Amino acid sequence: MSSIGRVTGVLLASAICACCAGAQRCGSDAASAISTDRPQVTNSSVVVPCGSLQFENGLQFTGSAGQRGYDVPETSVRFGVLKKTELRLGVPEYFRTPNAGGGFSDGAGDVSVGLKQQLGPVHGFDVSLIGAVSLPTGADAISSHGYDAAVQAPWSRALSKNWTAAGMLSVLWPTVSGRHDATGQASVYFDRQVTAKLDAYAEYAGEFPQRGGPQHSVDFGTAFKPTPHQQIDVHGGVGLSAAVPDYTVGAGYSVRFQLIHAKR
């Protein structure tokens, strides 16, 4: 069995055990609308409902110095195991990215696993804490070749009936040249509910690595929910510093299934 298969098996076994333990309460939020991490840099500040399985997928193109790359399928799997707890699996993506030699690096990225705990609402704020680690399962040209940890704290607050402010503070420890460099990340965005099924946002994101200069970008996007448990999104962004791509363009589709229903 591959390392990805073993990781997936452990996650599913843990999810089933946890859901069975809390089966009396699982499924009570099944009717709630889908809330995704896509397409913003900022993750959702709430967990998926207990007993639900959510798939978020996408395709993104990047351009820099006249060269273009892409990554697909950008799939993340989120499973609600308790009322405010979810397990997370980042499926390896296929990358085609420009490299320093003027060519391209191709291959699968690393798998990641994580846990998300919702702490809010607190004084009108939804807040969560995410811990994750990536495993060196990717292609030689793409993998970091290390176990890279990350801690993220997304938040959101409704400003009015149609406006929401949200953001995220993160610390990441990516492997760079065989060592872990601490990298701070901050993002903030404002979302406008245009119709009952359509919203749009504008976001700023910055990374501040231990070595190298800061990386700034802005992005814009919209999400359409044809049903309460499905989302279609498109987004685009521009880099504001030399260390990030000149532009990004992407689209995605997300769907949520309720596997465990509340007992009557």
Foldseek 3Di string as FASTA:
>chain_A
DDPVVVVVVVQVVVLVVLCVVVQQPAAPCVQFFDAALPDDPFTDLAADGAQKKKWKFKKKWFAAPHDIKIKDGQIKIWHHRDRFKIKIKGDWIWIWAQDPVRHTDTKTEWIKIKMKGWDDDDPQKTKIKMKMWTDQPMDPRHYLNDIKIKIKMKMKGDPDPFKIKIKMWMWIFGRDPNGTKIKIKIKIKMKGRPDPFKIKMKMKMWMPIPDDHIWIKIKIKMWGDPDSFKIKIWMKIATPDNVDTRMMTMIIMMGMDRRRHNDD
